Protein backbone atom coordinates (compact mmCIF):
# COMPACT_ATOMS: atom_id res chain seq x y z
CA MET A 1 20.51 21.32 -25.69
CA ALA A 2 21.62 23.20 -22.56
CA SER A 3 24.85 21.18 -22.50
CA LEU A 4 25.58 22.12 -26.11
CA VAL A 5 25.04 25.79 -25.33
CA ASP A 6 27.39 25.53 -22.36
CA PHE A 7 29.97 23.86 -24.57
CA GLU A 8 29.67 26.62 -27.18
CA GLU A 9 30.18 29.28 -24.50
CA ALA A 10 33.24 27.46 -23.15
CA VAL A 11 34.79 27.19 -26.61
CA LEU A 12 34.12 30.86 -27.40
CA ALA A 13 35.58 31.84 -24.04
CA GLY A 14 38.70 29.83 -24.84
CA LEU A 15 38.93 31.55 -28.21
CA ALA A 16 38.53 34.99 -26.63
CA THR A 17 41.29 34.31 -24.10
CA GLN A 18 43.49 32.80 -26.83
CA VAL A 19 43.58 29.44 -25.06
CA LEU A 20 42.27 27.99 -28.32
CA THR A 21 43.17 28.96 -31.87
CA GLY A 22 40.46 29.72 -34.40
CA THR A 23 41.03 26.39 -36.15
CA GLU A 24 40.84 24.40 -32.89
CA ALA A 25 37.64 26.16 -31.86
CA SER A 26 36.04 25.53 -35.26
CA ASP A 27 36.98 21.84 -35.20
CA MET A 28 35.61 21.36 -31.68
CA LEU A 29 32.31 23.06 -32.48
CA LEU A 30 31.92 21.14 -35.74
CA GLU A 31 32.49 17.84 -33.96
CA ALA A 32 29.92 18.77 -31.29
CA TYR A 33 27.33 19.71 -33.93
CA GLU A 34 27.92 16.43 -35.77
CA ASP A 35 27.42 14.45 -32.54
CA VAL A 36 24.12 16.22 -31.88
CA TYR A 37 22.97 15.62 -35.47
CA GLU A 38 23.85 11.93 -35.26
CA ALA A 39 21.99 11.59 -31.95
CA ARG A 40 18.91 13.17 -33.50
CA ARG A 41 19.12 10.83 -36.49
CA GLU A 42 19.89 7.69 -34.50
CA HIS A 43 16.33 6.38 -34.82
CA THR A 44 16.72 6.10 -38.60
CA ASN A 45 19.15 3.21 -38.02
CA TYR A 46 16.32 1.03 -36.70
CA ASP A 47 13.25 -0.56 -38.26
CA LYS A 48 9.80 0.80 -37.55
CA PHE A 49 7.83 -1.03 -34.87
CA SER A 50 6.32 -4.41 -35.71
CA LEU A 51 5.35 -7.37 -33.55
CA GLU A 52 7.32 -9.57 -35.93
CA ASN A 53 10.55 -7.85 -34.86
CA PHE A 54 10.43 -9.66 -31.50
CA SER A 55 10.58 -13.28 -30.46
CA ASP A 56 7.78 -14.43 -28.16
CA VAL A 57 10.07 -14.52 -25.13
CA ALA A 58 11.67 -11.13 -25.82
CA PHE A 59 8.28 -9.52 -26.39
CA LYS A 60 6.82 -10.71 -23.09
CA ASN A 61 9.94 -9.59 -21.20
CA LYS A 62 9.72 -6.11 -22.66
CA PHE A 63 5.96 -5.60 -22.87
CA ARG A 64 4.58 -7.87 -20.10
CA PHE A 65 2.02 -9.56 -22.38
CA ASN A 66 2.24 -12.18 -25.11
CA LYS A 67 2.05 -10.99 -28.70
CA SER A 68 -1.15 -12.97 -29.23
CA GLU A 69 -2.86 -11.02 -26.42
CA ILE A 70 -2.27 -7.55 -27.86
CA PRO A 71 -5.31 -7.52 -30.25
CA GLU A 72 -7.68 -8.47 -27.41
CA LEU A 73 -6.07 -5.88 -25.15
CA LEU A 74 -6.54 -3.19 -27.81
CA ASP A 75 -10.22 -4.03 -28.12
CA SER A 76 -10.70 -4.14 -24.35
CA LEU A 77 -9.15 -0.70 -23.95
CA ARG A 78 -11.21 0.62 -26.89
CA LEU A 79 -8.32 2.42 -28.50
CA PRO A 80 -9.06 4.03 -31.89
CA VAL A 81 -7.29 2.64 -34.95
CA GLN A 82 -5.30 5.84 -35.50
CA LEU A 83 -4.03 8.36 -32.96
CA TRP A 84 -2.34 11.71 -33.43
CA SER A 85 -0.82 14.57 -31.47
CA PRO A 86 -1.34 18.34 -31.84
CA GLN A 87 2.26 18.50 -33.10
CA GLY A 88 1.35 16.45 -36.16
CA SER A 89 2.68 13.00 -35.21
CA THR A 90 0.48 10.01 -36.06
CA TRP A 91 0.68 6.39 -34.97
CA GLY A 92 -1.39 3.23 -34.96
CA ARG A 93 -3.07 1.95 -31.83
CA LYS A 94 -0.90 -1.17 -31.70
CA GLU A 95 2.29 0.88 -31.71
CA GLY A 96 0.83 3.29 -29.16
CA LEU A 97 -0.20 0.59 -26.70
CA CYS A 98 3.13 -1.21 -27.02
CA ALA A 99 5.00 2.06 -26.46
CA VAL A 100 3.06 2.55 -23.22
CA LEU A 101 3.71 -1.04 -22.12
CA ARG A 102 7.41 -0.71 -22.93
CA ARG A 103 7.66 2.62 -21.11
CA LEU A 104 5.93 1.38 -17.96
CA SER A 105 7.45 -2.09 -17.80
CA TYR A 106 10.78 -0.99 -16.42
CA PRO A 107 12.63 2.20 -15.35
CA ASN A 108 13.98 3.59 -18.60
CA ARG A 109 14.68 6.67 -20.67
CA LEU A 110 12.83 7.41 -23.88
CA SER A 111 16.09 6.89 -25.75
CA ASP A 112 16.02 3.26 -24.56
CA LEU A 113 12.84 2.77 -26.62
CA VAL A 114 14.40 4.00 -29.88
CA PRO A 115 15.73 0.57 -31.04
CA ASP A 116 12.30 -1.01 -30.56
CA PHE A 117 10.26 1.66 -32.33
CA GLY A 118 12.57 3.40 -34.80
CA ARG A 119 11.36 6.82 -33.68
CA ALA A 120 13.09 9.80 -32.09
CA PRO A 121 12.74 10.19 -28.29
CA SER A 122 10.74 13.41 -28.71
CA GLU A 123 8.22 11.61 -30.90
CA LEU A 124 8.07 8.64 -28.54
CA SER A 125 7.18 11.06 -25.75
CA LEU A 126 4.21 12.29 -27.79
CA ILE A 127 3.15 8.71 -28.56
CA VAL A 128 3.32 7.51 -24.95
CA ASN A 129 1.56 10.53 -23.48
CA GLY A 130 -1.06 10.66 -26.23
CA THR A 131 -1.91 6.98 -25.87
CA ILE A 132 -2.08 7.20 -22.07
CA GLU A 133 -4.47 10.13 -22.40
CA LYS A 134 -6.70 8.15 -24.76
CA ILE A 135 -6.64 5.04 -22.51
CA LEU A 136 -7.83 7.11 -19.55
CA GLU A 137 -10.42 8.93 -21.63
CA ASN A 138 -12.01 5.62 -22.60
CA ASN A 139 -11.42 3.58 -19.44
CA ALA A 140 -11.05 5.78 -16.34
CA HIS A 141 -14.61 4.88 -15.31
CA HIS A 142 -13.41 1.33 -14.61
CA LEU A 143 -11.57 2.70 -11.57
CA ASN A 144 -14.22 4.95 -10.02
CA ARG A 145 -17.02 2.46 -9.26
CA VAL A 146 -17.67 -0.43 -6.88
CA ASP A 147 -20.67 -1.87 -8.76
CA HIS A 148 -18.87 -3.41 -11.73
CA ASN A 149 -20.66 -6.43 -13.18
CA TRP A 150 -17.69 -8.60 -12.18
CA VAL A 151 -17.84 -7.49 -8.52
CA LYS A 152 -19.89 -10.21 -6.82
CA HIS A 153 -20.11 -8.69 -3.35
CA GLU A 154 -21.74 -11.63 -1.57
CA GLU A 155 -19.52 -14.20 -3.27
CA PHE A 156 -16.42 -12.16 -2.40
CA ALA A 157 -17.56 -11.83 1.23
CA GLU A 158 -18.11 -15.57 1.49
CA ALA A 159 -14.68 -16.27 -0.01
CA ILE A 160 -13.03 -13.90 2.47
CA TYR A 161 -14.92 -15.51 5.36
CA ARG A 162 -13.83 -19.00 4.29
CA ARG A 163 -10.27 -17.72 4.16
CA GLY A 164 -10.41 -16.92 7.87
CA ALA A 165 -12.18 -13.58 8.35
CA ALA A 166 -14.01 -12.92 11.60
CA VAL A 167 -17.13 -11.55 9.88
CA ARG A 168 -19.20 -12.49 6.84
CA ASN A 169 -19.98 -9.07 5.33
CA VAL A 170 -16.53 -7.85 4.27
CA TRP A 171 -16.27 -8.04 0.47
CA GLY A 172 -12.99 -6.18 -0.17
CA PHE A 173 -10.13 -4.19 1.29
CA ILE A 174 -9.10 -0.55 1.17
CA ASP A 175 -5.65 0.90 1.60
CA GLY A 176 -3.49 3.83 0.60
CA THR A 177 0.02 3.87 -0.76
CA ILE A 178 2.62 6.52 -1.42
CA LYS A 179 4.64 6.50 -4.63
CA PHE A 180 7.92 8.26 -4.01
CA THR A 181 9.04 11.01 -6.37
CA CYS A 182 12.02 13.23 -6.98
CA ARG A 183 12.16 16.30 -4.78
CA PRO A 184 10.29 18.95 -6.78
CA GLY A 185 11.78 22.36 -7.42
CA GLU A 186 8.59 24.00 -6.12
CA GLY A 187 6.03 23.05 -3.48
CA GLN A 188 8.31 20.58 -1.70
CA ARG A 189 6.52 20.88 1.63
CA ALA A 190 3.15 19.94 0.12
CA VAL A 191 4.29 16.55 -1.18
CA PHE A 192 6.63 15.70 1.69
CA SER A 193 5.51 12.83 3.91
CA GLY A 194 6.77 13.26 7.45
CA HIS A 195 5.91 9.64 8.18
CA LYS A 196 7.92 8.26 5.26
CA ARG A 197 10.52 11.05 5.34
CA ALA A 198 10.33 11.41 1.57
CA HIS A 199 8.48 13.24 -1.20
CA GLY A 200 5.66 11.47 -2.97
CA LEU A 201 2.06 11.21 -4.12
CA LYS A 202 -0.59 9.10 -2.40
CA TYR A 203 -3.28 6.91 -3.94
CA GLN A 204 -6.15 4.87 -2.58
CA HIS A 205 -7.14 1.42 -3.86
CA VAL A 206 -10.05 -0.92 -3.22
CA MET A 207 -8.85 -4.48 -3.69
CA CYS A 208 -11.11 -7.46 -4.33
CA PRO A 209 -10.25 -11.04 -3.33
CA ASN A 210 -10.08 -12.08 -7.00
CA GLY A 211 -6.98 -9.91 -7.39
CA LEU A 212 -8.61 -7.04 -9.29
CA ILE A 213 -8.61 -3.40 -8.22
CA ALA A 214 -12.21 -2.14 -8.24
CA HIS A 215 -11.61 1.49 -7.31
CA SER A 216 -8.58 3.79 -7.44
CA TYR A 217 -8.36 7.41 -6.40
CA GLY A 218 -5.60 10.01 -6.39
CA PRO A 219 -3.15 11.51 -6.43
CA PHE A 220 -2.88 13.47 -3.21
CA PRO A 221 0.15 15.18 -1.68
CA GLY A 222 2.27 12.79 0.33
CA ARG A 223 1.48 14.58 3.58
CA ARG A 224 -2.22 13.71 3.41
CA HIS A 225 -3.66 11.07 5.75
CA ASP A 226 -5.61 8.03 4.55
CA SER A 227 -8.77 9.27 6.27
CA PHE A 228 -8.57 12.58 4.39
CA ILE A 229 -8.25 10.78 1.05
CA PHE A 230 -11.18 8.54 1.92
CA ALA A 231 -13.36 11.57 2.63
CA GLU A 232 -12.29 13.39 -0.53
CA SER A 233 -12.89 10.33 -2.72
CA HIS A 234 -16.63 10.26 -1.79
CA LEU A 235 -16.25 6.49 -1.73
CA GLU A 236 -18.51 6.25 1.31
CA MET A 237 -21.53 7.27 -0.76
CA LEU A 238 -20.82 4.45 -3.20
CA LEU A 239 -20.28 1.89 -0.44
CA GLN A 240 -23.57 2.71 1.29
CA ASN A 241 -25.38 1.27 -1.72
CA VAL A 242 -23.66 -2.12 -1.38
CA THR A 243 -25.97 -4.51 0.46
CA ASP A 244 -26.65 -8.23 0.40
CA ALA A 245 -29.87 -9.88 -0.82
CA ALA A 246 -31.51 -9.31 2.57
CA GLY A 247 -30.64 -5.62 2.54
CA ASN A 248 -27.87 -5.87 5.14
CA GLN A 249 -24.97 -3.44 4.79
CA MET A 250 -21.76 -4.88 3.38
CA ALA A 251 -18.38 -3.36 4.10
CA LEU A 252 -14.77 -2.89 3.21
CA TYR A 253 -11.99 -3.51 5.71
CA GLY A 254 -9.14 -1.03 6.18
CA ASP A 255 -6.33 -0.32 8.59
CA SER A 256 -6.58 1.82 11.72
CA GLY A 257 -5.96 4.99 9.71
CA TYR A 258 -9.53 4.91 8.39
CA PRO A 259 -12.69 6.08 10.18
CA ILE A 260 -15.33 3.65 11.42
CA ARG A 261 -18.43 3.54 9.24
CA ASP A 262 -21.27 1.10 8.61
CA CYS A 263 -19.68 0.41 5.24
CA LEU A 264 -16.07 0.46 6.50
CA MET A 265 -14.60 -1.73 9.22
CA VAL A 266 -11.23 -1.19 10.91
CA PRO A 267 -9.25 -2.99 13.63
CA PHE A 268 -9.98 -2.41 17.30
CA ARG A 269 -7.71 0.34 18.58
CA GLY A 270 -6.03 0.87 21.90
CA ALA A 271 -3.23 -0.46 24.04
CA HIS A 272 -5.44 -2.67 26.20
CA LEU A 273 -7.59 -4.87 24.01
CA SER A 274 -9.70 -7.73 25.24
CA ALA A 275 -8.89 -11.26 24.10
CA GLU A 276 -11.86 -11.23 21.72
CA GLU A 277 -10.78 -7.92 20.19
CA GLN A 278 -7.23 -9.17 19.71
CA ILE A 279 -8.49 -12.35 18.05
CA PHE A 280 -10.66 -10.28 15.70
CA ASN A 281 -7.70 -8.09 14.74
CA ASN A 282 -5.47 -11.10 14.10
CA MET A 283 -8.06 -12.89 11.98
CA MET A 284 -8.74 -9.83 9.82
CA SER A 285 -5.06 -9.02 9.49
CA GLY A 286 -4.45 -12.46 8.05
CA VAL A 287 -6.93 -12.01 5.19
CA ARG A 288 -6.10 -8.34 4.54
CA THR A 289 -2.69 -9.05 3.02
CA CYS A 290 -4.19 -9.28 -0.47
CA VAL A 291 -4.50 -5.48 -0.66
CA GLU A 292 -0.72 -5.25 -0.27
CA TRP A 293 -0.35 -7.76 -3.08
CA GLY A 294 -2.38 -5.47 -5.34
CA PHE A 295 -0.12 -2.48 -4.80
CA GLY A 296 2.90 -4.75 -5.05
CA LYS A 297 1.82 -6.16 -8.40
CA VAL A 298 1.35 -2.70 -9.94
CA SER A 299 4.89 -1.82 -8.89
CA SER A 300 6.47 -5.11 -9.94
CA VAL A 301 4.80 -5.58 -13.33
CA PHE A 302 5.07 -1.90 -14.28
CA ALA A 303 8.18 -0.92 -12.36
CA PHE A 304 8.50 2.50 -14.00
CA VAL A 305 5.95 3.91 -11.51
CA ASN A 306 8.02 2.65 -8.59
CA TYR A 307 11.36 4.16 -9.61
CA TYR A 308 11.37 7.49 -7.81
CA ALA A 309 14.26 8.95 -9.84
CA ASN A 310 11.99 8.88 -12.91
CA GLN A 311 8.98 10.34 -11.09
CA LYS A 312 9.16 14.10 -11.74
CA ILE A 313 6.05 15.89 -10.52
CA LEU A 314 6.46 19.09 -12.51
CA LEU A 315 7.54 17.40 -15.75
CA GLN A 316 5.24 14.36 -16.07
CA GLU A 317 1.60 13.43 -15.62
CA LEU A 318 2.46 10.98 -12.85
CA SER A 319 -1.13 10.31 -11.85
CA SER A 320 -2.01 9.34 -15.43
CA TYR A 321 0.95 6.96 -15.57
CA PHE A 322 -0.05 5.31 -12.29
CA GLN A 323 -3.74 5.00 -13.16
CA VAL A 324 -2.94 3.44 -16.54
CA ALA A 325 -0.49 1.09 -14.81
CA THR A 326 -3.35 0.11 -12.48
CA LEU A 327 -5.71 -0.55 -15.40
CA LEU A 328 -3.07 -2.60 -17.19
CA THR A 329 -2.35 -4.53 -13.99
CA ASN A 330 -6.03 -5.53 -13.89
CA CYS A 331 -5.68 -6.69 -17.50
CA HIS A 332 -2.54 -8.63 -16.57
CA THR A 333 -4.36 -10.27 -13.66
CA CYS A 334 -7.18 -11.33 -15.96
CA ALA A 335 -4.66 -12.92 -18.32
CA TYR A 336 -2.23 -14.47 -15.82
CA GLY A 337 -3.86 -14.36 -12.40
C-alpha cells in the first residue's frame, strides 16, 4: 500500500501545482483504486484448492510428492484435521500441507500461489506460517535426538567402514552450513560471515549413511564457528550415550573445525602429516561426502530456503522454514531415496 500512498501524494501535488486538472486527478486516482481492488479480488477468479485440480505430473513438479502420498504424509506429520489462525482464517490440513510444500518447493511470491489455492496472498501467508508452526510443534523432536528407533548405530558404522572408512566406530557425519540471507536493516554485523563474505544463518546437521538427517540445530548468526555451535547444541551429551554392544564409544566424524572428543573424530591437522595420517584423512574424506549431499538435497528439493533474496531475517521465521524443509526432506528421502 505504500506505493499507492506515494501515488496519491504525487497526484495531489500535481493538482496543487496545477499540473493536473481536477478531472485528470480524479480519473487517475479512480483508476489506481480500481487496480488495487482488482488485485485484492484476483483470487476469486480461481477455484479453491483440490488435488483433483492437478495432473499427476504437474502436482509432483509443484509439490515434490505424488498425490497418492499426501494422506500418508499428513498422518506421519500428525497434522490436525482443521487448522486456524488468530485472525479467523480456517483451512484443512491437506490444503495447509500443500501450501507449505508449494511455498518451499521453489523461490516464489505468495501471489504465485493464488492460482493454485484460490486465496488472497495475505490469507496464504497465514496458512503457510500456521501450518509450519503446527508441523514443528508436533515433529520438532525428530530433529533433536540421535537415538531414533531407525538409527542403527552399529549397522551404520559397518556400512561406512565397508564404504572405505579407516575406522569401524563412525556411525554418522556432522557438519554446519550457512544459508545466505538478505542484508538485514538491523544487526548486520551479527549475521555477517567474514569467511563467506555474506550475511546468513548457520545450522548444524548430523547425517546418517541411509540419507536421513538425525539431528538438526540452529539457527546461529553467520559469524559463529562450527565448534561454537557444537558446544551450544549440547550434542556431545547425547553422543556420549552412543556405544556398541560391547560398551565401546561410537563417534561422529566432522571436519577440522570441530573439537576432538571421544564421541567426535576429526581429520589430523597440521602442515606436516605422516603418511599414515594422510591416508587416514583421505579415506575419511571419501566417505564423508554424504553429509554434503544431505545439505544439498534440502536446498535442491525445497529451493525456497536457498534463495537468499527471499530470506528476510526480520520479516520471516527463517529457522522454522529451514527446519520444516529438513523434516520434509527426510520424508522425501523415505519415499524416493
